[in-house]
C-alpha atoms as a PDB file:
ATOM      1  CA  UNK A   1     -22.854-113.601-105.105  1.00  0.00           C
ATOM      2  CA  UNK A   2     -21.069-110.611-105.177  1.00  0.00           C
ATOM      3  CA  UNK A   3     -17.251-110.903-105.982  1.00  0.00           C
ATOM      4  CA  UNK A   4     -16.722-110.492-102.250  1.00  0.00           C
ATOM      5  CA  UNK A   5     -19.090-113.500-100.875  1.00  0.00           C
ATOM      6  CA  UNK A   6     -18.276-116.978-100.244  1.00  0.00           C
ATOM      7  CA  UNK A   7     -20.212-120.001 -99.803  1.00  0.00           C
ATOM      8  CA  UNK A   8     -19.245-120.565 -96.403  1.00  0.00           C
ATOM      9  CA  UNK A   9     -17.633-118.599 -93.287  1.00  0.00           C
ATOM     10  CA  UNK A  10     -15.727-120.743 -91.014  1.00  0.00           C
ATOM     11  CA  UNK A  11     -16.245-119.571 -87.255  1.00  0.00           C
ATOM     12  CA  UNK A  12     -13.642-121.056 -84.796  1.00  0.00           C
ATOM     13  CA  UNK A  13     -13.079-119.010 -81.293  1.00  0.00           C
ATOM     14  CA  UNK A  14      -9.460-119.450 -80.171  1.00  0.00           C
ATOM     15  CA  UNK A  15      -8.540-119.762 -76.363  1.00  0.00           C
ATOM     16  CA  UNK A  16      -5.020-121.023 -75.733  1.00  0.00           C
ATOM     17  CA  UNK A  17      -4.829-123.695 -78.509  1.00  0.00           C
ATOM     18  CA  UNK A  18      -1.713-123.715 -79.808  1.00  0.00           C
ATOM     19  CA  UNK A  19      -1.370-127.805 -79.324  1.00  0.00           C
ATOM     20  CA  UNK A  20      -4.118-128.587 -81.599  1.00  0.00           C
ATOM     21  CA  UNK A  21      -4.532-125.261 -83.479  1.00  0.00           C
ATOM     22  CA  UNK A  22      -2.286-126.253 -86.876  1.00  0.00           C
ATOM     23  CA  UNK A  23      -4.342-129.592 -87.501  1.00  0.00           C
ATOM     24  CA  UNK A  24      -8.047-128.285 -86.785  1.00  0.00           C
ATOM     25  CA  UNK A  25      -7.040-125.573 -89.703  1.00  0.00           C
ATOM     26  CA  UNK A  26      -5.650-128.488 -91.855  1.00  0.00           C
ATOM     27  CA  UNK A  27      -8.866-130.195 -91.878  1.00  0.00           C
ATOM     28  CA  UNK A  28     -10.538-127.312 -92.764  1.00  0.00           C
ATOM     29  CA  UNK A  29      -7.964-126.977 -95.587  1.00  0.00           C
ATOM     30  CA  UNK A  30      -8.284-130.432 -96.679  1.00  0.00           C
ATOM     31  CA  UNK A  31     -11.830-130.103 -97.371  1.00  0.00           C
ATOM     32  CA  UNK A  32     -13.148-130.639-100.968  1.00  0.00           C
ATOM     33  CA  UNK A  33     -15.322-127.896-101.274  1.00  0.00           C
ATOM     34  CA  UNK A  34     -12.551-125.314-101.222  1.00  0.00           C
ATOM     35  CA  UNK A  35     -14.403-121.963-101.497  1.00  0.00           C
ATOM     36  CA  UNK A  36     -14.211-120.761 -98.008  1.00  0.00           C
ATOM     37  CA  UNK A  37     -13.024-118.491 -95.518  1.00  0.00           C
ATOM     38  CA  UNK A  38     -11.966-119.082 -92.311  1.00  0.00           C
ATOM     39  CA  UNK A  39     -12.429-116.260 -89.591  1.00  0.00           C
ATOM     40  CA  UNK A  40     -10.417-117.421 -86.202  1.00  0.00           C
ATOM     41  CA  UNK A  41     -11.303-115.432 -83.616  1.00  0.00           C
ATOM     42  CA  UNK A  42      -8.334-115.388 -80.343  1.00  0.00           C
ATOM     43  CA  UNK A  43      -9.872-114.724 -77.305  1.00  0.00           C
ATOM     44  CA  UNK A  44      -6.992-113.385 -75.609  1.00  0.00           C
ATOM     45  CA  UNK A  45      -4.543-116.421 -75.837  1.00  0.00           C
ATOM     46  CA  UNK A  46      -1.905-116.084 -73.535  1.00  0.00           C
ATOM     47  CA  UNK A  47      -0.106-119.143 -75.217  1.00  0.00           C
ATOM     48  CA  UNK A  48       1.272-119.148 -78.680  1.00  0.00           C
ATOM     49  CA  UNK A  49      -1.991-119.025 -80.856  1.00  0.00           C
ATOM     50  CA  UNK A  50      -1.896-115.642 -82.043  1.00  0.00           C
ATOM     51  CA  UNK A  51       1.358-115.874 -83.907  1.00  0.00           C
ATOM     52  CA  UNK A  52       0.457-119.308 -85.314  1.00  0.00           C
ATOM     53  CA  UNK A  53      -2.660-118.061 -86.500  1.00  0.00           C
ATOM     54  CA  UNK A  54      -0.938-115.016 -88.073  1.00  0.00           C
ATOM     55  CA  UNK A  55       1.629-117.622 -90.188  1.00  0.00           C
ATOM     56  CA  UNK A  56      -1.347-119.867 -91.192  1.00  0.00           C
ATOM     57  CA  UNK A  57      -2.774-116.538 -92.865  1.00  0.00           C
ATOM     58  CA  UNK A  58       0.335-115.515 -94.344  1.00  0.00           C
ATOM     59  CA  UNK A  59       0.446-118.970 -95.706  1.00  0.00           C
ATOM     60  CA  UNK A  60      -3.273-119.001 -96.624  1.00  0.00           C
ATOM     61  CA  UNK A  61      -5.516-115.674 -97.942  1.00  0.00           C
ATOM     62  CA  UNK A  62      -8.385-117.857 -96.970  1.00  0.00           C
ATOM     63  CA  UNK A  63      -7.512-117.565 -93.159  1.00  0.00           C
ATOM     64  CA  UNK A  64      -8.551-114.063 -91.472  1.00  0.00           C
ATOM     65  CA  UNK A  65      -7.515-113.908 -87.770  1.00  0.00           C
ATOM     66  CA  UNK A  66      -8.951-111.432 -85.319  1.00  0.00           C
ATOM     67  CA  UNK A  67      -7.158-110.753 -82.183  1.00  0.00           C
ATOM     68  CA  UNK A  68      -8.870-109.407 -79.266  1.00  0.00           C
ATOM     69  CA  UNK A  69      -9.172-109.361 -75.556  1.00  0.00           C
ATOM     70  CA  UNK A  70     -10.767-112.060 -73.819  1.00  0.00           C
ATOM     71  CA  UNK A  71     -14.616-111.182 -73.932  1.00  0.00           C
ATOM     72  CA  UNK A  72     -15.982-114.601 -73.600  1.00  0.00           C
ATOM     73  CA  UNK A  73     -17.528-117.116 -76.012  1.00  0.00           C
ATOM     74  CA  UNK A  74     -21.107-115.649 -77.586  1.00  0.00           C
ATOM     75  CA  UNK A  75     -19.290-112.314 -77.609  1.00  0.00           C
ATOM     76  CA  UNK A  76     -16.334-113.694 -80.162  1.00  0.00           C
ATOM     77  CA  UNK A  77     -18.943-115.318 -82.276  1.00  0.00           C
ATOM     78  CA  UNK A  78     -21.118-112.727 -82.767  1.00  0.00           C
ATOM     79  CA  UNK A  79     -18.283-110.664 -83.920  1.00  0.00           C
ATOM     80  CA  UNK A  80     -17.179-113.094 -86.314  1.00  0.00           C
ATOM     81  CA  UNK A  81     -20.340-113.604 -87.911  1.00  0.00           C
ATOM     82  CA  UNK A  82     -21.099-109.970 -88.485  1.00  0.00           C
ATOM     83  CA  UNK A  83     -17.609-109.716 -90.071  1.00  0.00           C
ATOM     84  CA  UNK A  84     -18.773-113.279 -92.162  1.00  0.00           C
ATOM     85  CA  UNK A  85     -19.194-112.800 -95.931  1.00  0.00           C
ATOM     86  CA  UNK A  86     -20.458-116.681 -96.455  1.00  0.00           C
ATOM     87  CA  UNK A  87     -24.225-117.511 -97.306  1.00  0.00           C
ATOM     88  CA  UNK A  88     -23.454-120.321 -94.817  1.00  0.00           C
ATOM     89  CA  UNK A  89     -21.905-120.284 -91.042  1.00  0.00           C
ATOM     90  CA  UNK A  90     -19.502-123.326 -90.247  1.00  0.00           C
ATOM     91  CA  UNK A  91     -18.877-123.730 -86.805  1.00  0.00           C
ATOM     92  CA  UNK A  92     -15.140-125.222 -85.684  1.00  0.00           C
ATOM     93  CA  UNK A  93     -13.738-125.381 -82.559  1.00  0.00           C
ATOM     94  CA  UNK A  94     -10.054-125.044 -82.474  1.00  0.00           C
ATOM     95  CA  UNK A  95      -8.947-128.927 -81.056  1.00  0.00           C
ATOM     96  CA  UNK A  96     -11.199-130.617 -83.526  1.00  0.00           C
ATOM     97  CA  UNK A  97     -10.806-131.854 -86.817  1.00  0.00           C
ATOM     98  CA  UNK A  98     -13.239-131.517 -89.913  1.00  0.00           C
ATOM     99  CA  UNK A  99     -13.426-134.470 -92.292  1.00  0.00           C
ATOM    100  CA  UNK A 100     -12.708-133.876 -95.677  1.00  0.00           C
ATOM    101  CA  UNK A 101     -16.580-133.927 -97.176  1.00  0.00           C
ATOM    102  CA  UNK A 102     -17.547-132.278 -94.336  1.00  0.00           C
ATOM    103  CA  UNK A 103     -18.598-128.978 -96.111  1.00  0.00           C
ATOM    104  CA  UNK A 104     -19.570-130.580 -99.392  1.00  0.00           C
ATOM    105  CA  UNK A 105     -22.107-133.207 -97.723  1.00  0.00           C
ATOM    106  CA  UNK A 106     -23.691-130.329 -95.561  1.00  0.00           C
ATOM    107  CA  UNK A 107     -24.094-127.710 -98.498  1.00  0.00           C
ATOM    108  CA  UNK A 108     -25.733-130.104-100.518  1.00  0.00           C
ATOM    109  CA  UNK A 109     -27.934-131.668 -97.926  1.00  0.00           C
ATOM    110  CA  UNK A 110     -28.948-127.597 -97.339  1.00  0.00           C
ATOM    111  CA  UNK A 111     -29.391-126.767-100.705  1.00  0.00           C
ATOM    112  CA  UNK A 112     -31.547-129.721-101.231  1.00  0.00           C
ATOM    113  CA  UNK A 113     -34.033-129.330 -98.542  1.00  0.00           C
ATOM    114  CA  UNK A 114     -34.687-125.495 -98.290  1.00  0.00           C
ATOM    115  CA  UNK A 115     -36.873-125.797 -94.979  1.00  0.00           C
ATOM    116  CA  UNK A 116     -33.608-126.882 -93.130  1.00  0.00           C
ATOM    117  CA  UNK A 117     -32.329-123.794 -91.714  1.00  0.00           C
ATOM    118  CA  UNK A 118     -28.962-125.680 -89.371  1.00  0.00           C
ATOM    119  CA  UNK A 119     -27.622-129.217 -89.954  1.00  0.00           C
ATOM    120  CA  UNK A 120     -24.874-131.005 -87.803  1.00  0.00           C
ATOM    121  CA  UNK A 121     -23.478-134.136 -88.320  1.00  0.00           C
ATOM    122  CA  UNK A 122     -22.628-137.145 -85.909  1.00  0.00           C
ATOM    123  CA  UNK A 123     -19.720-137.140 -84.502  1.00  0.00           C
ATOM    124  CA  UNK A 124     -16.293-139.497 -83.308  1.00  0.00           C
ATOM    125  CA  UNK A 125     -15.386-138.603 -79.888  1.00  0.00           C
ATOM    126  CA  UNK A 126     -11.290-139.029 -79.563  1.00  0.00           C
ATOM    127  CA  UNK A 127      -8.899-138.424 -76.557  1.00  0.00           C
ATOM    128  CA  UNK A 128      -6.445-135.638 -76.317  1.00  0.00           C
ATOM    129  CA  UNK A 129      -3.816-138.014 -78.020  1.00  0.00           C
ATOM    130  CA  UNK A 130      -6.614-138.963 -81.009  1.00  0.00           C
ATOM    131  CA  UNK A 131      -7.347-142.441 -79.658  1.00  0.00           C
ATOM    132  CA  UNK A 132     -11.208-143.107 -80.361  1.00  0.00           C
ATOM    133  CA  UNK A 133     -13.566-143.931 -78.279  1.00  0.00           C
ATOM    134  CA  UNK A 134     -16.964-143.846 -80.006  1.00  0.00           C
ATOM    135  CA  UNK A 135     -19.504-142.017 -81.686  1.00  0.00           C
ATOM    136  CA  UNK A 136     -22.421-139.608 -80.511  1.00  0.00           C
ATOM    137  CA  UNK A 137     -24.938-137.379 -81.792  1.00  0.00           C
ATOM    138  CA  UNK A 138     -27.199-140.183 -83.252  1.00  0.00           C
ATOM    139  CA  UNK A 139     -30.676-138.049 -83.540  1.00  0.00           C
ATOM    140  CA  UNK A 140     -31.348-136.835 -87.200  1.00  0.00           C
ATOM    141  CA  UNK A 141     -35.186-136.027 -87.430  1.00  0.00           C
ATOM    142  CA  UNK A 142     -36.299-132.226 -86.611  1.00  0.00           C
ATOM    143  CA  UNK A 143     -38.667-133.685 -84.286  1.00  0.00           C
ATOM    144  CA  UNK A 144     -36.844-136.177 -82.407  1.00  0.00           C
ATOM    145  CA  UNK A 145     -34.136-132.808 -82.197  1.00  0.00           C
ATOM    146  CA  UNK A 146     -36.176-130.082 -81.286  1.00  0.00           C
ATOM    147  CA  UNK A 147     -37.795-132.672 -78.564  1.00  0.00           C
ATOM    148  CA  UNK A 148     -34.739-133.604 -77.068  1.00  0.00           C
ATOM    149  CA  UNK A 149     -34.082-129.964 -76.759  1.00  0.00           C
ATOM    150  CA  UNK A 150     -37.264-129.596 -74.546  1.00  0.00           C
ATOM    151  CA  UNK A 151     -35.898-132.295 -71.953  1.00  0.00           C
ATOM    152  CA  UNK A 152     -33.314-130.088 -70.212  1.00  0.00           C
ATOM    153  CA  UNK A 153     -30.670-132.587 -70.858  1.00  0.00           C
ATOM    154  CA  UNK A 154     -28.291-130.340 -73.484  1.00  0.00           C
ATOM    155  CA  UNK A 155     -27.864-130.137 -76.979  1.00  0.00           C
ATOM    156  CA  UNK A 156     -28.966-132.663 -80.080  1.00  0.00           C
ATOM    157  CA  UNK A 157     -26.845-130.997 -82.214  1.00  0.00           C
ATOM    158  CA  UNK A 158     -22.790-131.059 -81.554  1.00  0.00           C
ATOM    159  CA  UNK A 159     -22.254-127.270 -81.789  1.00  0.00           C
ATOM    160  CA  UNK A 160     -18.616-127.545 -83.121  1.00  0.00           C
ATOM    161  CA  UNK A 161     -20.404-129.282 -86.621  1.00  0.00           C
ATOM    162  CA  UNK A 162     -22.955-126.787 -87.408  1.00  0.00           C
ATOM    163  CA  UNK A 163     -23.555-125.470 -90.609  1.00  0.00           C
ATOM    164  CA  UNK A 164     -26.258-122.603 -90.346  1.00  0.00           C
ATOM    165  CA  UNK A 165     -27.785-120.174 -93.152  1.00  0.00           C
ATOM    166  CA  UNK A 166     -26.141-116.848 -92.246  1.00  0.00           C
ATOM    167  CA  UNK A 167     -29.642-115.380 -93.166  1.00  0.00           C
ATOM    168  CA  UNK A 168     -31.492-117.608 -90.276  1.00  0.00           C
ATOM    169  CA  UNK A 169     -28.817-116.498 -88.062  1.00  0.00           C
ATOM    170  CA  UNK A 170     -29.385-113.260 -88.297  1.00  0.00           C
ATOM    171  CA  UNK A 171     -33.178-113.199 -88.193  1.00  0.00           C
ATOM    172  CA  UNK A 172     -33.418-114.801 -84.823  1.00  0.00           C
ATOM    173  CA  UNK A 173     -30.551-112.109 -83.327  1.00  0.00           C
ATOM    174  CA  UNK A 174     -27.905-114.519 -82.869  1.00  0.00           C
ATOM    175  CA  UNK A 175     -26.052-115.599 -79.675  1.00  0.00           C
ATOM    176  CA  UNK A 176     -27.263-114.064 -76.725  1.00  0.00           C
ATOM    177  CA  UNK A 177     -24.595-113.712 -74.159  1.00  0.00           C
ATOM    178  CA  UNK A 178     -26.945-113.760 -71.390  1.00  0.00           C
ATOM    179  CA  UNK A 179     -27.322-117.396 -71.763  1.00  0.00           C
ATOM    180  CA  UNK A 180     -23.593-118.462 -72.164  1.00  0.00           C
ATOM    181  CA  UNK A 181     -23.150-122.122 -70.797  1.00  0.00           C
ATOM    182  CA  UNK A 182     -26.080-122.972 -73.171  1.00  0.00           C
ATOM    183  CA  UNK A 183     -25.874-120.499 -75.840  1.00  0.00           C
ATOM    184  CA  UNK A 184     -26.198-123.371 -78.293  1.00  0.00           C
ATOM    185  CA  UNK A 185     -29.150-124.635 -76.926  1.00  0.00           C
ATOM    186  CA  UNK A 186     -30.997-121.307 -76.848  1.00  0.00           C
ATOM    187  CA  UNK A 187     -29.833-120.974 -80.726  1.00  0.00           C
ATOM    188  CA  UNK A 188     -31.404-124.058 -81.948  1.00  0.00           C
ATOM    189  CA  UNK A 189     -34.718-123.863 -80.202  1.00  0.00           C
ATOM    190  CA  UNK A 190     -35.133-120.543 -81.420  1.00  0.00           C
ATOM    191  CA  UNK A 191     -33.947-121.207 -85.024  1.00  0.00           C
ATOM    192  CA  UNK A 192     -36.512-124.066 -84.694  1.00  0.00           C
ATOM    193  CA  UNK A 193     -39.042-121.302 -84.960  1.00  0.00           C
ATOM    194  CA  UNK A 194     -37.759-120.109 -88.733  1.00  0.00           C
ATOM    195  CA  UNK A 195     -37.361-123.468 -90.079  1.00  0.00           C
ATOM    196  CA  UNK A 196     -36.114-127.266 -89.252  1.00  0.00           C
ATOM    197  CA  UNK A 197     -32.969-128.569 -87.748  1.00  0.00           C
ATOM    198  CA  UNK A 198     -31.425-131.972 -88.524  1.00  0.00           C
ATOM    199  CA  UNK A 199     -28.008-134.179 -88.199  1.00  0.00           C
ATOM    200  CA  UNK A 200     -26.178-136.016 -91.043  1.00  0.00           C
ATOM    201  CA  UNK A 201     -26.240-139.854 -90.205  1.00  0.00           C
ATOM    202  CA  UNK A 202     -22.247-139.661 -90.929  1.00  0.00           C
ATOM    203  CA  UNK A 203     -19.530-138.664 -88.647  1.00  0.00           C
ATOM    204  CA  UNK A 204     -18.208-135.596 -90.432  1.00  0.00           C
ATOM    205  CA  UNK A 205     -15.913-134.427 -87.410  1.00  0.00           C
ATOM    206  CA  UNK A 206     -13.486-135.555 -84.567  1.00  0.00           C
ATOM    207  CA  UNK A 207     -14.589-134.067 -81.268  1.00  0.00           C
ATOM    208  CA  UNK A 208     -11.678-133.928 -78.761  1.00  0.00           C
ATOM    209  CA  UNK A 209     -12.502-134.585 -75.249  1.00  0.00           C
ATOM    210  CA  UNK A 210     -10.284-133.187 -72.527  1.00  0.00           C
ATOM    211  CA  UNK A 211     -10.302-133.478 -68.550  1.00  0.00           C
ATOM    212  CA  UNK A 212     -11.490-130.271 -67.689  1.00  0.00           C
ATOM    213  CA  UNK A 213     -12.566-129.887 -64.100  1.00  0.00           C
ATOM    214  CA  UNK A 214     -16.232-128.419 -63.953  1.00  0.00           C
ATOM    215  CA  UNK A 215     -17.209-127.264 -60.746  1.00  0.00           C
ATOM    216  CA  UNK A 216     -20.390-127.670 -58.600  1.00  0.00           C
ATOM    217  CA  UNK A 217     -21.459-124.517 -59.083  1.00  0.00           C
ATOM    218  CA  UNK A 218     -20.561-124.281 -62.787  1.00  0.00           C
ATOM    219  CA  UNK A 219     -22.768-127.694 -63.267  1.00  0.00           C
ATOM    220  CA  UNK A 220     -25.491-125.815 -61.000  1.00  0.00           C
ATOM    221  CA  UNK A 221     -25.468-122.699 -63.203  1.00  0.00           C
ATOM    222  CA  UNK A 222     -25.330-124.639 -66.592  1.00  0.00           C
ATOM    223  CA  UNK A 223     -28.480-126.204 -65.322  1.00  0.00           C
ATOM    224  CA  UNK A 224     -30.082-123.006 -64.435  1.00  0.00           C
ATOM    225  CA  UNK A 225     -29.359-121.837 -67.858  1.00  0.00           C
ATOM    226  CA  UNK A 226     -30.473-124.501 -69.498  1.00  0.00           C
ATOM    227  CA  UNK A 227     -34.152-124.324 -67.460  1.00  0.00           C
ATOM    228  CA  UNK A 228     -34.089-120.615 -68.325  1.00  0.00           C
ATOM    229  CA  UNK A 229     -33.749-121.505 -72.341  1.00  0.00           C
ATOM    230  CA  UNK A 230     -36.136-124.013 -71.944  1.00  0.00           C
ATOM    231  CA  UNK A 231     -39.016-121.764 -69.997  1.00  0.00           C
ATOM    232  CA  UNK A 232     -38.432-118.954 -72.655  1.00  0.00           C
ATOM    233  CA  UNK A 233     -38.785-121.322 -75.654  1.00  0.00           C
ATOM    234  CA  UNK A 234     -42.220-122.787 -74.059  1.00  0.00           C
ATOM    235  CA  UNK A 235     -43.657-118.630 -73.374  1.00  0.00           C
ATOM    236  CA  UNK A 236     -42.456-117.932 -77.052  1.00  0.00           C
ATOM    237  CA  UNK A 237     -44.103-121.113 -78.402  1.00  0.00           C
ATOM    238  CA  UNK A 238     -46.819-121.238 -76.287  1.00  0.00           C
ATOM    239  CA  UNK A 239     -46.167-124.129 -74.468  1.00  0.00           C
ATOM    240  CA  UNK A 240     -47.246-125.773 -70.859  1.00  0.00           C
ATOM    241  CA  UNK A 241     -44.509-124.516 -68.657  1.00  0.00           C
ATOM    242  CA  UNK A 242     -41.699-127.413 -67.922  1.00  0.00           C
ATOM    243  CA  UNK A 243     -40.818-128.827 -64.678  1.00  0.00           C
ATOM    244  CA  UNK A 244     -37.330-128.300 -63.402  1.00  0.00           C
ATOM    245  CA  UNK A 245     -35.665-131.671 -64.254  1.00  0.00           C
ATOM    246  CA  UNK A 246     -34.530-133.621 -61.260  1.00  0.00           C
ATOM    247  CA  UNK A 247     -30.956-134.237 -61.400  1.00  0.00           C
ATOM    248  CA  UNK A 248     -30.814-136.612 -58.360  1.00  0.00           C
ATOM    249  CA  UNK A 249     -28.065-138.440 -57.409  1.00  0.00           C
ATOM    250  CA  UNK A 250     -25.315-139.347 -59.846  1.00  0.00           C
ATOM    251  CA  UNK A 251     -26.285-142.552 -61.614  1.00  0.00           C
ATOM    252  CA  UNK A 252     -22.838-144.052 -60.417  1.00  0.00           C
ATOM    253  CA  UNK A 253     -21.116-143.361 -56.972  1.00  0.00           C
ATOM    254  CA  UNK A 254     -18.189-141.845 -58.415  1.00  0.00           C
ATOM    255  CA  UNK A 255     -17.779-139.072 -60.996  1.00  0.00           C
ATOM    256  CA  UNK A 256     -15.445-140.450 -63.685  1.00  0.00           C
ATOM    257  CA  UNK A 257     -12.852-138.152 -64.700  1.00  0.00           C
ATOM    258  CA  UNK A 258     -10.473-138.088 -67.694  1.00  0.00           C
ATOM    259  CA  UNK A 259      -9.253-141.573 -69.045  1.00  0.00           C
ATOM    260  CA  UNK A 260     -11.568-142.953 -66.451  1.00  0.00           C
ATOM    261  CA  UNK A 261     -14.736-140.948 -68.184  1.00  0.00           C
ATOM    262  CA  UNK A 262     -13.313-142.046 -71.952  1.00  0.00           C
ATOM    263  CA  UNK A 263     -12.817-145.382 -70.492  1.00  0.00           C
ATOM    264  CA  UNK A 264     -16.837-145.827 -70.088  1.00  0.00           C
ATOM    265  CA  UNK A 265     -17.328-144.177 -73.700  1.00  0.00           C
ATOM    266  CA  UNK A 266     -15.209-146.655 -75.154  1.00  0.00           C
ATOM    267  CA  UNK A 267     -16.727-149.693 -73.569  1.00  0.00           C
ATOM    268  CA  UNK A 268     -20.187-148.532 -74.437  1.00  0.00           C
ATOM    269  CA  UNK A 269     -19.346-147.877 -78.052  1.00  0.00           C
ATOM    270  CA  UNK A 270     -18.126-151.531 -78.178  1.00  0.00           C
ATOM    271  CA  UNK A 271     -14.368-150.503 -78.522  1.00  0.00           C
ATOM    272  CA  UNK A 272     -13.168-152.891 -75.391  1.00  0.00           C
ATOM    273  CA  UNK A 273      -9.411-153.244 -76.047  1.00  0.00           C
ATOM    274  CA  UNK A 274      -9.362-149.480 -75.833  1.00  0.00           C
ATOM    275  CA  UNK A 275     -11.331-149.151 -73.215  1.00  0.00           C
ATOM    276  CA  UNK A 276      -9.473-151.457 -71.228  1.00  0.00           C
ATOM    277  CA  UNK A 277      -6.178-149.440 -72.227  1.00  0.00           C
ATOM    278  CA  UNK A 278      -7.833-146.144 -71.186  1.00  0.00           C
ATOM    279  CA  UNK A 279      -8.934-147.476 -67.583  1.00  0.00           C
ATOM    280  CA  UNK A 280      -5.202-148.903 -66.607  1.00  0.00           C
ATOM    281  CA  UNK A 281      -4.053-145.430 -67.937  1.00  0.00           C
ATOM    282  CA  UNK A 282      -6.564-143.863 -65.418  1.00  0.00           C
ATOM    283  CA  UNK A 283      -5.069-146.273 -62.508  1.00  0.00           C
ATOM    284  CA  UNK A 284      -1.706-145.224 -63.365  1.00  0.00           C
ATOM    285  CA  UNK A 285      -2.312-141.873 -63.522  1.00  0.00           C
ATOM    286  CA  UNK A 286      -4.502-141.378 -60.204  1.00  0.00           C
ATOM    287  CA  UNK A 287      -3.873-145.051 -58.606  1.00  0.00           C
ATOM    288  CA  UNK A 288      -5.670-143.613 -55.419  1.00  0.00           C
ATOM    289  CA  UNK A 289      -8.706-142.236 -57.425  1.00  0.00           C
ATOM    290  CA  UNK A 290     -11.819-144.384 -56.388  1.00  0.00           C
ATOM    291  CA  UNK A 291     -13.575-143.442 -60.180  1.00  0.00           C
ATOM    292  CA  UNK A 292     -10.325-144.872 -61.914  1.00  0.00           C
ATOM    293  CA  UNK A 293     -10.699-148.289 -60.084  1.00  0.00           C
ATOM    294  CA  UNK A 294     -14.457-148.168 -60.571  1.00  0.00           C
ATOM    295  CA  UNK A 295     -14.038-148.054 -64.281  1.00  0.00           C
ATOM    296  CA  UNK A 296     -11.022-151.094 -64.091  1.00  0.00           C
ATOM    297  CA  UNK A 297     -13.775-153.078 -62.434  1.00  0.00           C
ATOM    298  CA  UNK A 298     -16.727-152.228 -64.962  1.00  0.00           C
ATOM    299  CA  UNK A 299     -14.587-152.767 -68.037  1.00  0.00           C
ATOM    300  CA  UNK A 300     -11.756-155.848 -67.098  1.00  0.00           C
ATOM    301  CA  UNK A 301     -12.796-157.349 -63.978  1.00  0.00           C
ATOM    302  CA  UNK A 302     -16.630-157.657 -64.579  1.00  0.00           C
ATOM    303  CA  UNK A 303     -17.023-158.931 -67.754  1.00  0.00           C
ATOM    304  CA  UNK A 304     -14.608-161.742 -66.449  1.00  0.00           C
ATOM    305  CA  UNK A 305     -15.936-162.179 -62.854  1.00  0.00           C
ATOM    306  CA  UNK A 306     -19.948-161.793 -63.996  1.00  0.00           C
ATOM    307  CA  UNK A 307     -19.664-165.348 -65.939  1.00  0.00           C
ATOM    308  CA  UNK A 308     -17.761-166.991 -63.510  1.00  0.00           C
ATOM    309  CA  UNK A 309     -20.654-166.211 -60.926  1.00  0.00           C
ATOM    310  CA  UNK A 310     -23.453-167.237 -63.625  1.00  0.00           C
ATOM    311  CA  UNK A 311     -21.384-170.671 -63.658  1.00  0.00           C
ATOM    312  CA  UNK A 312     -21.648-171.100 -60.169  1.00  0.00           C
ATOM    313  CA  UNK A 313     -25.319-170.040 -59.061  1.00  0.00           C
ATOM    314  CA  UNK A 314     -24.617-166.768 -57.921  1.00  0.00           C
END
């Protein structure tokens, strides 16, 4: 490794992230593996993110801010990786928190598994205020991860947890802008044709949930892009063409938003007290919203009512 190289280049896209940006960067600065560079690409933020990044760079020479116009996620990521000096590329989002042992454990895993080209980890879901609501991304083996990617249900690797061999990333051509909204799935499928994928079973990142409103049109575009990505992977691998996944009606009568959605995550993860608190917060914030009352029923009323009905034989 030359003097200009580093083991890890952390690539972090930034867009209007001033509220959480310092915590995200500090979580990288707190890593037990300290030889890294952080390339933070600000994609035309209109808040204080550029100023915060420049201040962080003055205090720590390992932070490399790049300020550019609003060009989109995939272009920002590719630009940052072109500038990266690391053997490994670590993804990071500007509102998440990496746990201190993340880099050390992931680098050790890749160095002891030369056939693996990318490794993620389990994540801990947290609300915008940092309340823990449950863990996610449990698949660990290459076979299980790769099979899931053909299911048209999204990614089995949490994008901001991944550590990728830069040579493999370059070999497959990086992120492809034509598949934005499913650019991570497209990358994983192509990387899986060069080597193996893996997830570490430990939680190595806190993933911050947000109540971003996704329009019906955007959801439809995401499903369409996912289908195109899977079709192209099947062609490359000479596999039978997949049937388009039938989404059908929602599993529940109302689409959950914000605290209501997080309450269900917490309930299913066994954090029942947190689930109840979030359910009541949903009702207080949106007292006329059907989805808020639905999750109150699921997390508070139903657990009490069901045993009573069972006792009277109903």
